[in-house]
Amino acid sequence: MSTMMTRRQQEEKKKRYLFLGAEATGLVLSVLITPWLGVPLMGLGAYWGWNWFQYRVKNSMRF
């Protein structure tokens, strides 16, 4: 049971860092370079954030 829980926690951590990395990169690109690159990346990060949130809800993880 504990290996399954740690596997879920590791997968949740990967999804979280993917979401946060995409959002941060999109923000930096929007502010420093051009919104044409940053805004679509932030939209993709929002999708990954929703995916991360749904994963936590599905697996009954607390915030």
Protein backbone atom coordinates (compact mmCIF):
# COMPACT_ATOMS: atom_id res chain seq x y z
CA MET A 1 0.00 0.00 0.00
CA SER A 2 2.75 2.45 0.84
CA THR A 3 4.45 1.95 -2.52
CA MET A 4 1.21 2.81 -4.29
CA MET A 5 0.86 5.94 -2.17
CA THR A 6 4.42 7.05 -2.84
CA ARG A 7 3.93 6.41 -6.56
CA ARG A 8 0.82 8.63 -6.52
CA GLN A 9 2.67 11.31 -4.59
CA GLN A 10 5.59 11.22 -7.03
CA GLU A 11 3.25 11.47 -10.00
CA GLU A 12 1.42 14.36 -8.34
CA LYS A 13 4.72 16.13 -7.74
CA LYS A 14 5.70 15.74 -11.41
CA LYS A 15 2.37 17.15 -12.56
CA ARG A 16 2.68 20.06 -10.13
CA TYR A 17 6.18 21.01 -11.25
CA LEU A 18 5.20 20.72 -14.93
CA PHE A 19 2.27 23.06 -14.32
CA LEU A 20 4.27 25.58 -12.29
CA GLY A 21 7.19 25.52 -14.72
CA ALA A 22 4.97 26.17 -17.72
CA GLU A 23 3.20 29.03 -15.96
CA ALA A 24 6.45 30.64 -14.82
CA THR A 25 8.06 30.29 -18.25
CA GLY A 26 4.97 31.73 -19.93
CA LEU A 27 4.97 34.68 -17.56
CA VAL A 28 8.64 35.41 -18.13
CA LEU A 29 8.25 35.16 -21.91
CA SER A 30 5.21 37.45 -21.83
CA VAL A 31 6.88 40.11 -19.74
CA LEU A 32 10.42 40.08 -21.11
CA ILE A 33 10.18 38.93 -24.72
CA THR A 34 6.75 38.88 -26.35
CA PRO A 35 3.19 37.97 -25.45
CA TRP A 36 2.92 35.96 -28.68
CA LEU A 37 5.05 33.26 -27.08
CA GLY A 38 4.09 33.59 -23.44
CA VAL A 39 0.30 33.66 -23.57
CA PRO A 40 -0.13 30.31 -25.39
CA LEU A 41 2.35 28.73 -23.00
CA MET A 42 0.37 30.10 -20.05
CA GLY A 43 -2.77 28.61 -21.58
CA LEU A 44 -1.04 25.24 -21.80
CA GLY A 45 0.08 25.66 -18.20
CA ALA A 46 -3.52 26.37 -17.19
CA TYR A 47 -4.60 23.12 -18.83
CA TRP A 48 -1.86 21.21 -16.99
CA GLY A 49 -2.90 22.95 -13.77
CA TRP A 50 -6.47 21.74 -14.24
CA ASN A 51 -5.13 18.24 -14.95
CA TRP A 52 -3.07 18.40 -11.73
CA PHE A 53 -6.09 19.59 -9.74
CA GLN A 54 -8.29 16.82 -11.11
CA TYR A 55 -5.63 14.24 -10.26
CA ARG A 56 -5.56 15.43 -6.65
CA VAL A 57 -9.36 15.35 -6.40
CA LYS A 58 -9.56 11.89 -7.99
CA ASN A 59 -7.02 10.45 -5.57
CA SER A 60 -8.45 12.23 -2.50
CA MET A 61 -5.29 14.21 -1.76
CA ARG A 62 -5.53 17.13 0.64
CA PHE A 63 -4.26 20.62 -0.08
